[in-house]
Amino acid sequence: MSYLVALPEVMSTAATDVASIGAAVASANQGAASATTAVLTPTPQL
């Protein structure tokens, strides 16, 4: 039989870490979105 022990302090720390990772990803996504929306599609050369 398996047992799982979840300490509140450890869970709180993990939740904080995940939230900070999410904030970093959101910030990077916003920076990439503004950079990539400025890229124009190339015009076909005849």
N, C-alpha and C. Protein backbone atom coordinates (compact mmCIF):
# COMPACT_ATOMS: atom_id res chain seq x y z
N MET A 1 0.84 -1.17 0.00
CA MET A 1 0.00 0.00 0.00
C MET A 1 0.89 1.24 0.00
N SER A 2 0.52 2.23 -0.81
CA SER A 2 1.30 3.47 -0.90
C SER A 2 0.69 4.54 -0.01
N TYR A 3 1.56 5.36 0.51
CA TYR A 3 1.12 6.47 1.34
C TYR A 3 1.71 7.76 0.77
N LEU A 4 0.96 8.83 0.89
CA LEU A 4 1.41 10.13 0.44
C LEU A 4 1.33 11.09 1.61
N VAL A 5 2.44 11.76 1.87
CA VAL A 5 2.48 12.75 2.94
C VAL A 5 2.69 14.11 2.28
N ALA A 6 1.78 15.04 2.54
CA ALA A 6 1.88 16.39 1.98
C ALA A 6 1.89 17.38 3.13
N LEU A 7 3.04 17.96 3.36
CA LEU A 7 3.16 18.95 4.42
C LEU A 7 2.68 20.31 3.91
N PRO A 8 1.89 21.02 4.70
CA PRO A 8 1.36 22.31 4.25
C PRO A 8 2.46 23.31 3.86
N GLU A 9 3.58 23.31 4.59
CA GLU A 9 4.66 24.24 4.28
C GLU A 9 5.26 23.93 2.91
N VAL A 10 5.42 22.65 2.62
CA VAL A 10 6.00 22.24 1.34
C VAL A 10 5.03 22.56 0.20
N MET A 11 3.76 22.31 0.41
CA MET A 11 2.76 22.60 -0.62
C MET A 11 2.68 24.11 -0.89
N SER A 12 2.77 24.90 0.15
CA SER A 12 2.74 26.36 -0.01
C SER A 12 3.95 26.85 -0.79
N THR A 13 5.12 26.32 -0.47
CA THR A 13 6.33 26.69 -1.19
C THR A 13 6.24 26.28 -2.65
N ALA A 14 5.73 25.09 -2.92
CA ALA A 14 5.58 24.62 -4.29
C ALA A 14 4.59 25.50 -5.06
N ALA A 15 3.51 25.90 -4.43
CA ALA A 15 2.52 26.76 -5.09
C ALA A 15 3.13 28.12 -5.42
N THR A 16 3.93 28.65 -4.53
CA THR A 16 4.60 29.93 -4.78
C THR A 16 5.58 29.80 -5.93
N ASP A 17 6.33 28.70 -5.95
CA ASP A 17 7.29 28.48 -7.04
C ASP A 17 6.58 28.36 -8.39
N VAL A 18 5.48 27.63 -8.42
CA VAL A 18 4.72 27.47 -9.67
C VAL A 18 4.15 28.81 -10.12
N ALA A 19 3.69 29.61 -9.19
CA ALA A 19 3.14 30.92 -9.54
C ALA A 19 4.22 31.82 -10.13
N SER A 20 5.43 31.77 -9.57
CA SER A 20 6.50 32.61 -10.11
C SER A 20 6.95 32.12 -11.48
N ILE A 21 6.91 30.81 -11.71
CA ILE A 21 7.22 30.27 -13.04
C ILE A 21 6.16 30.75 -14.03
N GLY A 22 4.90 30.71 -13.63
CA GLY A 22 3.82 31.18 -14.50
C GLY A 22 3.96 32.65 -14.84
N ALA A 23 4.38 33.45 -13.89
CA ALA A 23 4.57 34.88 -14.14
C ALA A 23 5.72 35.10 -15.12
N ALA A 24 6.78 34.32 -14.99
CA ALA A 24 7.92 34.46 -15.90
C ALA A 24 7.53 34.05 -17.32
N VAL A 25 6.75 32.99 -17.44
CA VAL A 25 6.30 32.54 -18.76
C VAL A 25 5.37 33.57 -19.39
N ALA A 26 4.47 34.12 -18.61
CA ALA A 26 3.55 35.14 -19.12
C ALA A 26 4.31 36.38 -19.58
N SER A 27 5.32 36.77 -18.83
CA SER A 27 6.12 37.93 -19.21
C SER A 27 6.89 37.67 -20.50
N ALA A 28 7.47 36.49 -20.62
CA ALA A 28 8.20 36.14 -21.84
C ALA A 28 7.25 36.06 -23.03
N ASN A 29 6.06 35.54 -22.80
CA ASN A 29 5.07 35.44 -23.87
C ASN A 29 4.66 36.83 -24.36
N GLN A 30 4.48 37.74 -23.44
CA GLN A 30 4.09 39.10 -23.81
C GLN A 30 5.20 39.77 -24.62
N GLY A 31 6.44 39.56 -24.22
CA GLY A 31 7.56 40.13 -24.96
C GLY A 31 7.68 39.54 -26.35
N ALA A 32 7.48 38.24 -26.46
CA ALA A 32 7.57 37.58 -27.76
C ALA A 32 6.41 37.98 -28.65
N ALA A 33 5.24 38.15 -28.08
CA ALA A 33 4.06 38.51 -28.88
C ALA A 33 4.24 39.89 -29.50
N SER A 34 4.76 40.82 -28.74
CA SER A 34 4.94 42.16 -29.30
C SER A 34 6.03 42.17 -30.37
N ALA A 35 7.04 41.32 -30.22
CA ALA A 35 8.11 41.26 -31.21
C ALA A 35 7.64 40.56 -32.49
N THR A 36 6.84 39.53 -32.35
CA THR A 36 6.43 38.77 -33.53
C THR A 36 5.27 39.41 -34.28
N THR A 37 4.47 40.22 -33.62
CA THR A 37 3.38 40.88 -34.33
C THR A 37 3.90 41.99 -35.22
N ALA A 38 5.12 42.44 -34.98
CA ALA A 38 5.71 43.49 -35.81
C ALA A 38 6.34 42.92 -37.08
N VAL A 39 6.45 41.60 -37.18
CA VAL A 39 7.05 40.97 -38.36
C VAL A 39 6.04 41.01 -39.50
N LEU A 40 6.49 41.46 -40.65
CA LEU A 40 5.62 41.55 -41.81
C LEU A 40 5.81 40.31 -42.68
N THR A 41 4.76 39.96 -43.39
CA THR A 41 4.88 38.84 -44.33
C THR A 41 5.61 39.33 -45.57
N PRO A 42 6.46 38.51 -46.13
CA PRO A 42 7.20 38.95 -47.31
C PRO A 42 6.29 39.06 -48.52
N THR A 43 6.58 40.02 -49.36
CA THR A 43 5.80 40.17 -50.60
C THR A 43 6.38 39.23 -51.65
N PRO A 44 5.53 38.63 -52.43
CA PRO A 44 6.05 37.72 -53.46
C PRO A 44 6.83 38.49 -54.52
N GLN A 45 7.95 37.95 -54.89
CA GLN A 45 8.76 38.58 -55.93
C GLN A 45 8.38 37.99 -57.28
N LEU A 46 8.14 38.85 -58.22
CA LEU A 46 7.73 38.39 -59.55
C LEU A 46 8.89 38.26 -60.48
